[in-house]
């Protein structure tokens, strides 16, 4: 491509670095191609042809999010090939709460200086997230913004679009007292609450290298563990028609997210002793001397997703979850009462 501006480069933006980054990321993007992806990288818009056969009223479901201050951990560790998984996960895990199947994803990377190899590593993670969720990476944008971001830092965000037949959309009203709540295990902190995490540990390059026996790894490795993507599991449960609702336990923890999936006059009774709290959360609580309620109001505590099923479908749901390689267990039940969360 015969495009170069010495004046723009002197201002801090090297367009040729952008072209090199695109070339380096093409092999990663190719891994995400699905039948619906009908455009290549480089156009002004990403094209996707959805398969709506068998649907009476196809509905598009969209979700957008970023990685947040977890990126600070990636900067300090100089490891950039997993945060893209987080970015995809935070979007598609929202989309599937409606019962939708993700179709495609687009990312946005803003950086102080475009280092093509680093950008390619970021997109490698995005592509891996797309592969895990069955979504095509059909486009994106890399913006070099000198003076706005430090040279060695960047921000990462994106959005996903999924599809579901209108009659199969998961609605809160489908639930009733006596329905059972099942937890799907998380992989760790996922991608929320990191402002508190960084304050608790006063995060530095050195203390991220500290090994903790209870974690079985260094602090940095535990914190940078990618967000788990639950698309395969939720798709399988949808196909067997056992789901009543899906809740993504993300920012705001149990107290904010669970009510979003509840109908009026129904409360979620959670068996606190049943929650399989991961070691990383026990460490955060101990080091930060954080009250238990604040922990459950900030973090997923080991529960990345919660599903609701009728009592007669519990065993079937657990079998399906296990068949997809995930771990699930009974967390509680729904009961009549004020909309909200009650620990028992």
Protein backbone atom coordinates (compact mmCIF):
# COMPACT_ATOMS: atom_id res chain seq x y z
CA UNK A 1 0.00 0.00 0.00
CA UNK A 2 1.49 3.33 -1.10
CA UNK A 3 0.31 5.36 1.89
CA UNK A 4 2.68 7.28 4.13
CA UNK A 5 2.73 10.70 5.77
CA UNK A 6 5.98 12.03 7.25
CA UNK A 7 4.06 14.87 8.89
CA UNK A 8 1.60 12.49 10.57
CA UNK A 9 4.49 10.28 11.73
CA UNK A 10 6.20 13.31 13.25
CA UNK A 11 2.96 13.95 15.15
CA UNK A 12 3.18 10.44 16.62
CA UNK A 13 1.02 8.36 14.28
CA UNK A 14 2.73 5.84 11.98
CA UNK A 15 0.14 4.56 9.50
CA UNK A 16 2.57 1.94 8.21
CA UNK A 17 2.62 0.34 11.67
CA UNK A 18 -1.13 -0.05 11.35
CA UNK A 19 -0.77 -1.85 8.03
CA UNK A 20 1.84 -4.18 9.50
CA UNK A 21 -0.39 -4.95 12.49
CA UNK A 22 -3.23 -5.93 10.14
CA UNK A 23 -0.97 -8.28 8.23
CA UNK A 24 0.22 -9.91 11.46
CA UNK A 25 -3.31 -10.44 12.75
CA UNK A 26 -4.79 -11.94 9.58
CA UNK A 27 -3.83 -15.52 10.46
CA UNK A 28 -5.54 -15.17 13.86
CA UNK A 29 -8.69 -13.68 12.32
CA UNK A 30 -8.86 -16.51 9.77
CA UNK A 31 -9.38 -18.99 12.62
CA UNK A 32 -12.73 -17.36 13.42
CA UNK A 33 -14.31 -17.61 9.97
CA UNK A 34 -17.81 -19.08 9.93
CA UNK A 35 -20.28 -19.65 7.09
CA UNK A 36 -21.98 -16.33 7.77
CA UNK A 37 -18.80 -14.25 7.48
CA UNK A 38 -18.86 -13.03 3.89
CA UNK A 39 -16.36 -10.17 4.00
CA UNK A 40 -12.64 -10.03 4.55
CA UNK A 41 -10.71 -7.70 6.82
CA UNK A 42 -10.04 -4.23 5.45
CA UNK A 43 -13.43 -3.00 4.31
CA UNK A 44 -15.38 -0.16 5.89
CA UNK A 45 -17.90 -2.56 7.42
CA UNK A 46 -17.98 -6.22 8.38
CA UNK A 47 -20.58 -8.26 6.50
CA UNK A 48 -22.44 -11.22 7.97
CA UNK A 49 -25.22 -13.34 6.49
CA UNK A 50 -27.17 -15.00 9.33
CA UNK A 51 -28.83 -18.37 8.92
CA UNK A 52 -32.44 -17.82 10.00
CA UNK A 53 -33.82 -21.09 8.70
CA UNK A 54 -36.21 -22.66 11.20
CA UNK A 55 -36.83 -19.34 12.97
CA UNK A 56 -40.27 -17.74 12.87
CA UNK A 57 -39.17 -14.35 14.28
CA UNK A 58 -35.39 -13.98 14.47
CA UNK A 59 -34.29 -11.39 17.02
CA UNK A 60 -30.82 -9.85 17.17
CA UNK A 61 -29.24 -9.53 20.61
CA UNK A 62 -26.19 -7.30 21.14
CA UNK A 63 -23.69 -6.80 23.93
CA UNK A 64 -20.73 -4.50 24.40
CA UNK A 65 -18.00 -4.28 27.03
CA UNK A 66 -14.29 -3.83 27.65
CA UNK A 67 -11.61 -5.43 29.78
CA UNK A 68 -11.36 -2.63 32.33
CA UNK A 69 -8.41 -2.14 34.65
CA UNK A 70 -7.44 -5.81 34.37
CA UNK A 71 -5.37 -4.40 31.50
CA UNK A 72 -3.05 -2.87 34.10
CA UNK A 73 -2.06 -6.41 35.09
CA UNK A 74 -1.32 -7.25 31.46
CA UNK A 75 0.85 -4.13 31.13
CA UNK A 76 2.90 -4.98 34.21
CA UNK A 77 3.35 -8.59 33.13
CA UNK A 78 3.91 -7.63 29.49
CA UNK A 79 1.50 -10.39 28.47
CA UNK A 80 -1.10 -9.41 25.91
CA UNK A 81 -2.42 -12.60 24.31
CA UNK A 82 -5.22 -13.38 26.80
CA UNK A 83 -7.01 -10.07 27.47
CA UNK A 84 -8.73 -10.42 24.10
CA UNK A 85 -10.44 -13.54 25.44
CA UNK A 86 -11.74 -11.43 28.33
CA UNK A 87 -13.09 -8.83 25.93
CA UNK A 88 -15.03 -11.37 23.90
CA UNK A 89 -16.20 -13.23 27.00
CA UNK A 90 -17.65 -10.14 28.67
CA UNK A 91 -19.77 -9.50 25.57
CA UNK A 92 -20.89 -13.00 24.55
CA UNK A 93 -21.60 -14.05 28.14
CA UNK A 94 -24.13 -11.20 28.26
CA UNK A 95 -25.64 -12.07 24.88
CA UNK A 96 -26.31 -15.70 25.81
CA UNK A 97 -28.35 -14.63 28.85
CA UNK A 98 -31.21 -14.04 26.40
CA UNK A 99 -30.78 -17.52 24.94
CA UNK A 100 -29.09 -16.10 21.84
CA UNK A 101 -26.27 -17.71 19.88
CA UNK A 102 -23.39 -15.26 19.15
CA UNK A 103 -22.87 -14.60 15.45
CA UNK A 104 -20.01 -12.12 15.16
CA UNK A 105 -17.69 -9.82 17.08
CA UNK A 106 -15.85 -6.55 16.43
CA UNK A 107 -13.07 -5.09 18.55
CA UNK A 108 -11.65 -1.63 19.21
CA UNK A 109 -8.06 -1.10 20.36
CA UNK A 110 -6.85 2.39 21.28
CA UNK A 111 -3.16 2.78 22.03
CA UNK A 112 -0.52 5.40 22.70
CA UNK A 113 1.81 3.87 20.11
CA UNK A 114 1.11 1.11 17.61
CA UNK A 115 3.56 -1.71 18.19
CA UNK A 116 2.38 -4.16 15.49
CA UNK A 117 3.55 -7.31 17.30
CA UNK A 118 1.74 -6.27 20.49
CA UNK A 119 -1.46 -5.42 18.61
CA UNK A 120 -1.29 -8.81 16.88
CA UNK A 121 -0.98 -10.53 20.27
CA UNK A 122 -4.06 -8.70 21.52
CA UNK A 123 -6.02 -9.77 18.44
CA UNK A 124 -4.75 -13.32 18.88
CA UNK A 125 -6.61 -13.40 22.18
CA UNK A 126 -9.71 -11.85 20.62
CA UNK A 127 -9.64 -14.53 17.93
CA UNK A 128 -9.31 -17.28 20.55
CA UNK A 129 -12.34 -15.89 22.35
CA UNK A 130 -14.28 -15.86 19.10
CA UNK A 131 -13.31 -19.46 18.37
CA UNK A 132 -14.48 -20.50 21.84
CA UNK A 133 -17.80 -18.75 21.34
CA UNK A 134 -18.37 -19.72 17.70
CA UNK A 135 -18.45 -16.07 16.64
CA UNK A 136 -16.73 -14.68 13.55
CA UNK A 137 -14.33 -11.76 14.00
CA UNK A 138 -15.56 -9.69 11.06
CA UNK A 139 -13.90 -6.34 11.76
CA UNK A 140 -12.34 -3.96 14.21
CA UNK A 141 -10.38 -0.77 14.64
CA UNK A 142 -6.95 0.14 15.94
CA UNK A 143 -6.56 3.79 16.87
CA UNK A 144 -3.10 5.23 17.57
CA UNK A 145 -3.63 8.16 19.96
CA UNK A 146 -0.31 9.75 21.03
CA UNK A 147 -0.64 12.11 23.97
CA UNK A 148 -3.90 10.50 25.02
CA UNK A 149 -2.51 7.13 26.15
CA UNK A 150 1.04 6.42 27.35
CA UNK A 151 3.13 4.74 24.63
CA UNK A 152 3.10 1.33 26.34
CA UNK A 153 -0.61 1.29 27.24
CA UNK A 154 -3.86 0.63 25.41
CA UNK A 155 -7.56 0.13 25.94
CA UNK A 156 -9.58 -2.74 24.54
CA UNK A 157 -13.33 -2.97 23.98
CA UNK A 158 -15.70 -4.65 21.59
CA UNK A 159 -19.21 -5.83 20.89
CA UNK A 160 -21.00 -8.96 19.81
CA UNK A 161 -24.28 -9.66 18.04
CA UNK A 162 -26.24 -12.87 18.48
CA UNK A 163 -29.56 -14.25 17.31
CA UNK A 164 -32.47 -16.07 18.90
CA UNK A 165 -36.00 -16.97 17.82
CA UNK A 166 -38.43 -14.64 19.60
CA UNK A 167 -40.43 -17.50 21.10
CA UNK A 168 -37.27 -18.92 22.69
CA UNK A 169 -36.03 -15.72 24.36
CA UNK A 170 -35.38 -16.37 28.04
CA UNK A 171 -37.73 -14.13 30.04
CA UNK A 172 -37.77 -13.63 33.84
CA UNK A 173 -41.52 -14.32 33.86
CA UNK A 174 -40.88 -17.97 32.93
CA UNK A 175 -39.60 -18.62 36.47
CA UNK A 176 -41.55 -19.42 39.61
CA UNK A 177 -41.05 -20.40 43.23
CA UNK A 178 -39.54 -23.86 43.54
CA UNK A 179 -37.30 -23.55 40.48
CA UNK A 180 -33.70 -24.57 41.11
CA UNK A 181 -30.58 -22.42 40.67
CA UNK A 182 -27.43 -24.07 39.32
CA UNK A 183 -23.95 -22.54 39.42
CA UNK A 184 -21.44 -22.78 36.59
CA UNK A 185 -17.92 -22.43 37.94
CA UNK A 186 -15.77 -19.43 37.03
CA UNK A 187 -12.08 -19.51 36.13
CA UNK A 188 -11.18 -16.76 38.59
CA UNK A 189 -11.78 -13.04 38.95
CA UNK A 190 -12.80 -12.85 35.28
CA UNK A 191 -12.80 -9.19 34.23
CA UNK A 192 -14.43 -7.08 36.90
CA UNK A 193 -13.52 -5.73 40.31
CA UNK A 194 -9.91 -5.10 39.35
CA UNK A 195 -9.79 -1.57 40.74
CA UNK A 196 -10.42 -3.13 44.16
CA UNK A 197 -8.02 -6.01 43.45
CA UNK A 198 -5.22 -3.62 42.52
CA UNK A 199 -5.82 -1.58 45.66
CA UNK A 200 -5.83 -4.68 47.90
CA UNK A 201 -2.50 -5.96 46.60
CA UNK A 202 -0.96 -2.55 45.80
CA UNK A 203 -0.09 -4.23 42.51
CA UNK A 204 3.45 -3.86 41.18
CA UNK A 205 5.54 -5.79 38.68
CA UNK A 206 7.37 -7.43 41.59
CA UNK A 207 4.46 -8.57 43.74
CA UNK A 208 2.71 -10.05 40.72
CA UNK A 209 5.61 -12.50 40.59
CA UNK A 210 4.98 -13.73 44.16
CA UNK A 211 3.99 -17.40 44.30
CA UNK A 212 1.10 -18.39 46.59
CA UNK A 213 0.72 -22.00 47.68
CA UNK A 214 -3.05 -21.63 48.01
CA UNK A 215 -3.24 -20.47 44.38
CA UNK A 216 -0.73 -22.94 42.99
CA UNK A 217 0.67 -20.13 40.85
CA UNK A 218 1.88 -16.57 41.05
CA UNK A 219 -0.49 -13.74 41.87
CA UNK A 220 -0.11 -12.35 38.36
CA UNK A 221 -0.94 -15.67 36.72
CA UNK A 222 -4.05 -16.04 38.88
CA UNK A 223 -5.27 -12.50 38.18
CA UNK A 224 -4.64 -12.68 34.45
CA UNK A 225 -6.54 -15.98 34.07
CA UNK A 226 -8.97 -15.34 31.17
CA UNK A 227 -12.71 -15.05 31.69
CA UNK A 228 -14.49 -18.31 31.00
CA UNK A 229 -16.78 -18.38 27.97
CA UNK A 230 -20.01 -20.31 28.52
CA UNK A 231 -21.50 -20.25 25.02
CA UNK A 232 -21.07 -23.96 24.29
CA UNK A 233 -22.76 -24.96 27.56
CA UNK A 234 -25.67 -22.53 27.27
CA UNK A 235 -26.22 -23.51 23.62
CA UNK A 236 -26.43 -27.16 24.63
CA UNK A 237 -28.91 -26.39 27.41
CA UNK A 238 -31.01 -24.28 25.02
CA UNK A 239 -31.12 -27.11 22.49
CA UNK A 240 -32.52 -29.44 25.16
CA UNK A 241 -35.07 -26.80 26.21
CA UNK A 242 -34.33 -26.97 29.93
CA UNK A 243 -33.43 -23.34 30.66
CA UNK A 244 -35.68 -20.82 32.32
CA UNK A 245 -33.07 -18.10 32.79
CA UNK A 246 -29.34 -17.39 32.61
CA UNK A 247 -27.52 -14.90 34.82
CA UNK A 248 -24.02 -13.59 34.11
CA UNK A 249 -22.33 -12.96 37.47
CA UNK A 250 -20.17 -10.01 36.50
CA UNK A 251 -19.63 -6.49 37.91
CA UNK A 252 -21.79 -6.11 41.02
CA UNK A 253 -21.51 -9.78 41.92
CA UNK A 254 -24.50 -11.71 43.26
CA UNK A 255 -26.47 -8.77 44.65
CA UNK A 256 -26.63 -6.74 41.43
CA UNK A 257 -26.79 -9.40 38.75
CA UNK A 258 -29.14 -12.07 40.06
CA UNK A 259 -32.13 -9.70 40.43
CA UNK A 260 -31.75 -8.75 36.75
CA UNK A 261 -33.00 -12.23 35.86
CA UNK A 262 -35.81 -12.43 38.43
CA UNK A 263 -39.52 -11.70 37.99
CA UNK A 264 -41.28 -9.42 40.47
CA UNK A 265 -42.21 -10.95 43.84
CA UNK A 266 -39.64 -13.76 43.51
CA UNK A 267 -36.39 -13.95 45.46
CA UNK A 268 -33.30 -16.08 44.95
CA UNK A 269 -32.43 -18.11 48.05
CA UNK A 270 -28.72 -18.93 47.83
CA UNK A 271 -27.19 -21.61 50.04
CA UNK A 272 -24.03 -19.77 51.15
CA UNK A 273 -22.34 -23.01 52.22
CA UNK A 274 -22.87 -24.42 48.73
CA UNK A 275 -20.87 -21.65 47.04
CA UNK A 276 -17.50 -23.12 46.05
CA UNK A 277 -15.42 -20.00 46.65
CA UNK A 278 -12.17 -20.04 44.68
CA UNK A 279 -8.84 -19.56 46.53
CA UNK A 280 -8.17 -16.23 44.79
CA UNK A 281 -11.26 -14.70 46.42
CA UNK A 282 -10.34 -16.02 49.85
CA UNK A 283 -6.92 -14.41 49.40
CA UNK A 284 -8.42 -11.09 48.28
CA UNK A 285 -10.77 -11.04 51.27
CA UNK A 286 -7.99 -11.92 53.74
CA UNK A 287 -5.38 -9.47 52.44
CA UNK A 288 -7.87 -6.65 51.98
CA UNK A 289 -9.87 -7.37 55.14
CA UNK A 290 -13.00 -7.04 53.03
CA UNK A 291 -16.46 -7.72 54.53
CA UNK A 292 -18.15 -10.82 53.12
CA UNK A 293 -21.09 -8.86 51.75
CA UNK A 294 -18.76 -6.57 49.80
CA UNK A 295 -17.07 -9.64 48.32
CA UNK A 296 -20.41 -11.02 47.09
CA UNK A 297 -21.38 -7.54 45.88
CA UNK A 298 -18.22 -7.13 43.80
CA UNK A 299 -16.91 -10.50 42.59
CA UNK A 300 -18.28 -13.71 41.11
CA UNK A 301 -16.76 -15.68 44.03
CA UNK A 302 -16.33 -18.74 41.82
CA UNK A 303 -19.72 -18.63 40.08
CA UNK A 304 -19.36 -17.23 36.57
CA UNK A 305 -22.87 -18.06 35.44
CA UNK A 306 -26.07 -19.10 37.17
CA UNK A 307 -28.90 -20.88 35.43
CA UNK A 308 -32.46 -21.54 36.53
CA UNK A 309 -34.31 -24.77 35.70
CA UNK A 310 -37.47 -26.52 36.81
CA UNK A 311 -36.91 -28.94 39.70
CA UNK A 312 -37.61 -31.95 37.48
CA UNK A 313 -34.86 -30.88 35.05
CA UNK A 314 -32.01 -30.51 37.54
CA UNK A 315 -30.28 -33.84 36.87
CA UNK A 316 -30.69 -33.45 33.13
CA UNK A 317 -29.18 -29.97 33.24
CA UNK A 318 -26.22 -31.13 35.32
CA UNK A 319 -25.56 -33.96 32.85
CA UNK A 320 -25.62 -31.54 29.90
CA UNK A 321 -23.27 -29.15 31.70
CA UNK A 322 -20.83 -31.97 32.41
CA UNK A 323 -20.99 -33.19 28.80
CA UNK A 324 -19.77 -29.77 27.60
CA UNK A 325 -16.72 -29.90 29.88
CA UNK A 326 -18.03 -27.47 32.49
CA UNK A 327 -18.69 -27.97 36.19
CA UNK A 328 -22.05 -27.21 37.73
CA UNK A 329 -23.73 -27.67 41.10
CA UNK A 330 -26.98 -26.73 42.84
CA UNK A 331 -26.72 -23.27 44.37
CA UNK A 332 -30.20 -22.61 45.71
CA UNK A 333 -33.79 -22.08 44.65
CA UNK A 334 -36.41 -19.46 43.91
CA UNK A 335 -39.05 -18.56 46.48
CA UNK A 336 -41.92 -16.15 46.93
CA UNK A 337 -40.78 -12.85 48.40
CA UNK A 338 -39.34 -9.44 47.63
CA UNK A 339 -37.25 -9.46 44.45
CA UNK A 340 -33.62 -9.85 45.41
CA UNK A 341 -31.00 -12.19 46.86
CA UNK A 342 -31.19 -13.93 50.22
CA UNK A 343 -28.36 -16.08 51.61
CA UNK A 344 -29.46 -18.96 53.80
